[in-house]
């Protein structure tokens, strides 16, 4: 009887070599794209953050290496920490409202009822619209004179509460959070709805037979089984929301009196208003820390789920 060789020859065959080369060739366009549009801008931003780069330096003039001076100048700027606080409030407020409303809508659309598909498709319009258009719509709707929300307050006898929401420092941040929640709710609803469909309905049926009510089934069956999907939804929402720029820029431009100047707008102003490109690059890299951390947690969770599957 022929005995198997316990130490096979590691020398690759011509066929495996050709397949490996073909794999490299197929991967080459993606690697070139990532190098040109991701790796190079990121590395150039790192280089800029450790140099004294002004407008003349950006146009080809002399630049000077200054180490971590741009980072020290950024973290010692009170406006930077003001922007960080606003970003935290904006992100947490958006995430909580998006998730709660998206979960509620997902529970609603998980049950069949007339016009279910039509209503679900209409909700996607908010997500499909470009953020600039969404921001413009909400800027008009929240206007003091022609805004629909003030018109609704006046029509219901609450005209004393109507005012220009986006020019009041006390309500402007709430206004942009409201707009961002409107954009993000459909995304949360879709992912959570997919997660709800993966729950075996027999679990709910068995619990109902044992006498569990709706609240008990939601608490002890739906919530635990939806935890992995919920974590993914929150992590993706954190990555997107923390760096939101376009909606806020269109609605308020960071005002009034820097009441909505979140971290992304702070980086924009340092770059394009004050032309402090070194400090702007340093602030931009600091802005990337939170999305990068959330992305790393997301990839780690996917890897753990793949290992346990």
Protein backbone atom coordinates (compact mmCIF):
# COMPACT_ATOMS: atom_id res chain seq x y z
CA UNK A 1 0.00 0.00 0.00
CA UNK A 2 1.25 3.47 -0.91
CA UNK A 3 2.25 5.55 2.10
CA UNK A 4 1.44 9.27 2.26
CA UNK A 5 4.37 11.67 2.58
CA UNK A 6 4.02 13.48 5.95
CA UNK A 7 6.22 16.29 4.63
CA UNK A 8 4.86 17.40 1.27
CA UNK A 9 7.10 19.34 -1.08
CA UNK A 10 6.53 23.10 -0.41
CA UNK A 11 7.72 23.99 -3.92
CA UNK A 12 4.80 25.70 -5.69
CA UNK A 13 3.58 24.16 -8.92
CA UNK A 14 3.44 26.23 -12.14
CA UNK A 15 -0.36 26.28 -11.88
CA UNK A 16 -0.36 27.67 -8.33
CA UNK A 17 2.26 30.27 -9.30
CA UNK A 18 0.12 31.45 -12.20
CA UNK A 19 -2.93 31.67 -9.96
CA UNK A 20 -0.98 33.69 -7.42
CA UNK A 21 0.26 36.09 -10.09
CA UNK A 22 -3.28 36.40 -11.47
CA UNK A 23 -4.51 37.27 -7.98
CA UNK A 24 -1.90 40.00 -7.69
CA UNK A 25 -2.88 41.39 -11.10
CA UNK A 26 -6.56 41.46 -10.21
CA UNK A 27 -5.73 43.21 -6.92
CA UNK A 28 -3.46 45.77 -8.57
CA UNK A 29 -6.18 48.29 -9.65
CA UNK A 30 -7.64 48.33 -6.14
CA UNK A 31 -4.20 48.73 -4.57
CA UNK A 32 -3.36 51.60 -6.95
CA UNK A 33 -6.67 53.30 -6.13
CA UNK A 34 -6.09 52.95 -2.38
CA UNK A 35 -2.54 54.22 -2.74
CA UNK A 36 -3.47 57.31 -4.78
CA UNK A 37 -6.65 58.35 -3.01
CA UNK A 38 -6.14 57.06 0.53
CA UNK A 39 -2.55 56.31 1.46
CA UNK A 40 -0.89 59.25 -0.32
CA UNK A 41 -3.29 61.97 0.99
CA UNK A 42 -3.04 60.52 4.50
CA UNK A 43 0.77 60.40 4.42
CA UNK A 44 0.92 63.91 2.95
CA UNK A 45 -1.37 65.11 5.73
CA UNK A 46 0.97 63.53 8.31
CA UNK A 47 3.93 65.26 6.64
CA UNK A 48 2.09 68.61 6.67
CA UNK A 49 1.19 68.22 10.34
CA UNK A 50 4.88 68.19 11.36
CA UNK A 51 5.92 71.14 9.16
CA UNK A 52 5.31 74.86 9.29
CA UNK A 53 3.24 75.18 6.12
CA UNK A 54 1.64 78.46 5.18
CA UNK A 55 0.05 79.65 1.97
CA UNK A 56 3.44 80.26 0.34
CA UNK A 57 4.67 76.82 1.38
CA UNK A 58 1.60 75.19 -0.12
CA UNK A 59 2.32 76.93 -3.43
CA UNK A 60 5.87 75.59 -3.52
CA UNK A 61 7.72 77.84 -1.10
CA UNK A 62 10.04 76.76 1.66
CA UNK A 63 8.68 74.75 4.58
CA UNK A 64 10.26 74.12 7.96
CA UNK A 65 10.08 70.98 10.08
CA UNK A 66 8.65 71.85 13.50
CA UNK A 67 7.97 68.43 15.03
CA UNK A 68 4.92 68.36 17.29
CA UNK A 69 4.52 72.14 17.47
CA UNK A 70 1.33 72.07 15.36
CA UNK A 71 -0.19 69.46 17.66
CA UNK A 72 0.74 71.48 20.75
CA UNK A 73 -0.75 74.61 19.21
CA UNK A 74 -3.95 72.73 18.37
CA UNK A 75 -4.53 71.16 21.78
CA UNK A 76 -3.77 74.47 23.49
CA UNK A 77 -6.38 76.30 21.42
CA UNK A 78 -9.62 76.86 23.41
CA UNK A 79 -11.58 76.83 20.16
CA UNK A 80 -10.39 73.29 19.50
CA UNK A 81 -11.79 71.99 22.79
CA UNK A 82 -14.98 73.96 22.23
CA UNK A 83 -15.32 72.15 18.89
CA UNK A 84 -14.60 68.81 20.56
CA UNK A 85 -17.36 69.38 23.13
CA UNK A 86 -19.83 70.33 20.41
CA UNK A 87 -18.83 67.26 18.37
CA UNK A 88 -19.44 64.99 21.37
CA UNK A 89 -22.88 66.52 22.02
CA UNK A 90 -23.79 66.43 18.34
CA UNK A 91 -22.62 62.82 17.94
CA UNK A 92 -24.24 61.45 21.10
CA UNK A 93 -27.51 63.28 20.48
CA UNK A 94 -27.68 62.08 16.88
CA UNK A 95 -26.73 58.49 17.72
CA UNK A 96 -29.26 58.09 20.52
CA UNK A 97 -32.17 59.59 18.59
CA UNK A 98 -31.31 57.80 15.35
CA UNK A 99 -30.99 54.45 17.06
CA UNK A 100 -34.16 54.73 19.17
CA UNK A 101 -36.29 56.00 16.28
CA UNK A 102 -34.74 53.54 13.84
CA UNK A 103 -35.38 50.62 16.23
CA UNK A 104 -39.00 51.71 16.72
CA UNK A 105 -39.56 51.92 12.97
CA UNK A 106 -37.83 48.58 12.42
CA UNK A 107 -40.19 46.96 14.95
CA UNK A 108 -43.11 48.57 13.12
CA UNK A 109 -42.09 47.43 9.64
CA UNK A 110 -41.13 43.94 10.83
CA UNK A 111 -44.87 43.21 11.01
CA UNK A 112 -46.86 42.93 7.77
CA UNK A 113 -49.51 45.59 7.21
CA UNK A 114 -50.98 47.38 4.18
CA UNK A 115 -48.60 49.75 2.35
CA UNK A 116 -45.64 48.44 4.36
CA UNK A 117 -43.28 48.43 1.38
CA UNK A 118 -44.43 51.82 0.09
CA UNK A 119 -43.98 53.58 3.42
CA UNK A 120 -40.59 51.94 3.94
CA UNK A 121 -39.48 53.13 0.49
CA UNK A 122 -40.63 56.68 1.21
CA UNK A 123 -38.57 56.73 4.41
CA UNK A 124 -35.47 55.95 2.36
CA UNK A 125 -35.78 59.29 0.55
CA UNK A 126 -34.22 61.04 3.54
CA UNK A 127 -31.18 58.77 3.30
CA UNK A 128 -30.88 58.92 -0.50
CA UNK A 129 -30.96 62.72 -0.76
CA UNK A 130 -27.54 64.43 -0.84
CA UNK A 131 -26.72 65.98 2.57
CA UNK A 132 -26.43 69.43 1.00
CA UNK A 133 -30.04 69.24 -0.20
CA UNK A 134 -31.22 67.93 3.16
CA UNK A 135 -29.42 70.75 4.96
CA UNK A 136 -30.93 73.34 2.63
CA UNK A 137 -34.43 71.95 3.17
CA UNK A 138 -34.10 72.10 6.94
CA UNK A 139 -32.63 75.59 6.81
CA UNK A 140 -35.76 76.73 5.00
CA UNK A 141 -38.12 74.78 7.25
CA UNK A 142 -36.55 76.20 10.41
CA UNK A 143 -36.60 79.80 9.15
CA UNK A 144 -38.43 82.29 11.34
CA UNK A 145 -40.55 83.92 8.64
CA UNK A 146 -41.20 81.22 6.04
CA UNK A 147 -40.40 78.06 7.99
CA UNK A 148 -43.01 75.32 8.17
CA UNK A 149 -42.30 74.57 11.83
CA UNK A 150 -43.02 78.13 12.92
CA UNK A 151 -46.12 78.11 10.74
CA UNK A 152 -47.25 74.94 12.50
CA UNK A 153 -46.69 76.55 15.91
CA UNK A 154 -48.70 79.60 14.90
CA UNK A 155 -51.49 77.43 13.49
CA UNK A 156 -51.77 75.52 16.77
CA UNK A 157 -51.84 78.64 18.93
CA UNK A 158 -48.19 78.37 20.03
CA UNK A 159 -46.95 81.32 17.99
CA UNK A 160 -45.14 82.73 21.01
CA UNK A 161 -42.63 79.86 20.71
CA UNK A 162 -41.77 80.56 17.08
CA UNK A 163 -38.41 82.11 16.31
CA UNK A 164 -35.45 81.61 14.00
CA UNK A 165 -34.11 78.33 15.34
CA UNK A 166 -30.79 78.44 13.51
CA UNK A 167 -29.77 81.96 14.53
CA UNK A 168 -30.40 81.39 18.24
CA UNK A 169 -27.25 79.99 19.92
CA UNK A 170 -29.47 78.09 22.35
CA UNK A 171 -31.34 76.11 19.68
CA UNK A 172 -29.04 76.06 16.63
CA UNK A 173 -27.21 72.88 17.68
CA UNK A 174 -30.54 71.14 18.33
CA UNK A 175 -31.65 72.20 14.84
CA UNK A 176 -28.67 70.60 13.08
CA UNK A 177 -29.01 67.47 15.27
CA UNK A 178 -32.65 67.27 14.19
CA UNK A 179 -31.65 67.44 10.52
CA UNK A 180 -28.92 64.84 10.92
CA UNK A 181 -31.30 62.50 12.75
CA UNK A 182 -33.75 62.78 9.86
CA UNK A 183 -30.99 61.70 7.48
CA UNK A 184 -29.68 58.84 9.64
CA UNK A 185 -32.91 57.19 10.84
CA UNK A 186 -33.56 55.23 7.58
CA UNK A 187 -30.04 53.76 7.67
CA UNK A 188 -30.53 52.59 11.26
CA UNK A 189 -33.99 51.26 10.43
CA UNK A 190 -32.73 49.16 7.49
CA UNK A 191 -29.92 47.48 9.39
CA UNK A 192 -32.03 46.85 12.47
CA UNK A 193 -34.88 45.52 10.33
CA UNK A 194 -32.50 42.98 8.77
CA UNK A 195 -31.45 41.95 12.27
CA UNK A 196 -35.06 41.51 13.38
CA UNK A 197 -35.75 39.22 10.42
CA UNK A 198 -32.93 36.90 11.54
CA UNK A 199 -34.70 36.15 14.86
CA UNK A 200 -36.55 32.85 14.73
CA UNK A 201 -40.28 33.61 15.24
CA UNK A 202 -40.68 30.26 17.00
CA UNK A 203 -38.82 31.75 19.96
CA UNK A 204 -41.53 34.38 20.40
CA UNK A 205 -44.24 31.78 19.89
CA UNK A 206 -42.77 29.50 22.54
CA UNK A 207 -42.40 32.39 24.97
CA UNK A 208 -46.00 33.46 24.33
CA UNK A 209 -47.21 29.94 25.03
CA UNK A 210 -45.31 30.04 28.34
CA UNK A 211 -47.19 33.21 29.26
CA UNK A 212 -44.61 35.90 28.40
CA UNK A 213 -46.11 39.23 27.42
CA UNK A 214 -45.01 41.58 24.66
CA UNK A 215 -42.68 43.55 26.92
CA UNK A 216 -41.14 40.42 28.37
CA UNK A 217 -40.50 38.95 24.91
CA UNK A 218 -38.96 42.21 23.79
CA UNK A 219 -36.71 42.40 26.85
CA UNK A 220 -35.57 38.79 27.06
CA UNK A 221 -35.60 37.71 23.40
CA UNK A 222 -35.44 40.66 21.00
CA UNK A 223 -32.94 42.86 22.81
CA UNK A 224 -30.35 40.13 23.59
CA UNK A 225 -30.49 38.70 20.05
CA UNK A 226 -30.26 42.18 18.52
CA UNK A 227 -27.19 43.14 20.54
CA UNK A 228 -24.60 42.23 17.83
CA UNK A 229 -26.51 44.15 15.14
CA UNK A 230 -27.05 47.09 17.49
CA UNK A 231 -23.33 47.36 18.23
CA UNK A 232 -22.53 47.39 14.51
CA UNK A 233 -25.19 50.04 13.82
CA UNK A 234 -23.90 52.27 16.62
CA UNK A 235 -20.26 51.89 15.53
CA UNK A 236 -21.06 52.74 11.91
CA UNK A 237 -23.19 55.67 13.07
CA UNK A 238 -20.31 56.93 15.21
CA UNK A 239 -17.91 56.76 12.25
CA UNK A 240 -20.28 58.75 10.05
CA UNK A 241 -21.70 61.24 12.55
CA UNK A 242 -18.48 62.37 14.21
CA UNK A 243 -17.14 63.71 10.91
CA UNK A 244 -20.36 65.28 9.57
CA UNK A 245 -19.57 68.55 7.82
CA UNK A 246 -21.90 69.26 4.91
CA UNK A 247 -25.25 69.46 6.71
CA UNK A 248 -23.93 71.78 9.42
CA UNK A 249 -22.01 73.93 6.95
CA UNK A 250 -25.10 74.42 4.77
CA UNK A 251 -27.46 75.09 7.67
CA UNK A 252 -25.41 77.35 9.94
CA UNK A 253 -21.82 77.57 8.68
CA UNK A 254 -20.71 76.91 12.27
CA UNK A 255 -22.64 79.83 13.73
CA UNK A 256 -24.18 81.63 15.36
CA UNK A 257 -21.23 82.64 17.55
CA UNK A 258 -19.57 79.22 16.99
CA UNK A 259 -22.60 77.49 18.54
CA UNK A 260 -22.43 74.73 15.90
CA UNK A 261 -18.71 74.83 15.08
CA UNK A 262 -18.02 71.12 15.48
CA UNK A 263 -14.57 69.63 14.96
CA UNK A 264 -14.93 69.15 11.21
CA UNK A 265 -15.85 72.83 10.77
CA UNK A 266 -12.97 73.84 13.04
CA UNK A 267 -10.55 71.99 10.75
CA UNK A 268 -12.12 73.67 7.71
CA UNK A 269 -11.76 77.14 9.21
CA UNK A 270 -8.13 76.59 10.23
CA UNK A 271 -7.34 75.40 6.72
CA UNK A 272 -9.30 77.72 4.45
CA UNK A 273 -9.93 80.83 6.57
CA UNK A 274 -6.67 81.24 8.46
CA UNK A 275 -4.40 79.26 6.07
CA UNK A 276 -2.64 77.50 8.97
CA UNK A 277 -2.18 74.31 7.02
CA UNK A 278 0.15 72.62 9.50
CA UNK A 279 -2.26 73.11 12.40
CA UNK A 280 -5.19 72.18 10.19
CA UNK A 281 -3.48 68.91 9.23
CA UNK A 282 -2.78 68.17 12.90
CA UNK A 283 -6.40 68.89 13.83
CA UNK A 284 -7.58 66.73 10.94
CA UNK A 285 -5.53 63.79 12.15
CA UNK A 286 -6.91 64.26 15.66
CA UNK A 287 -10.38 64.27 14.11
CA UNK A 288 -9.61 60.89 12.53
CA UNK A 289 -8.83 59.24 15.86
CA UNK A 290 -12.44 58.57 16.84
CA UNK A 291 -13.57 57.12 13.46
CA UNK A 292 -10.39 55.04 13.25
CA UNK A 293 -10.96 53.66 16.74
CA UNK A 294 -14.60 52.90 15.95
CA UNK A 295 -13.58 51.26 12.66
CA UNK A 296 -11.00 49.11 14.43
CA UNK A 297 -13.63 47.98 16.95
CA UNK A 298 -16.01 47.20 14.09
CA UNK A 299 -13.43 45.06 12.25
CA UNK A 300 -12.46 43.32 15.49
CA UNK A 301 -16.09 42.48 16.21
CA UNK A 302 -16.59 41.10 12.69
CA UNK A 303 -13.50 38.94 13.12
CA UNK A 304 -14.74 37.60 16.44
CA UNK A 305 -18.15 36.82 14.96
CA UNK A 306 -16.42 35.00 12.09
CA UNK A 307 -14.38 32.90 14.53
CA UNK A 308 -17.41 31.95 16.62
CA UNK A 309 -19.62 31.22 13.60
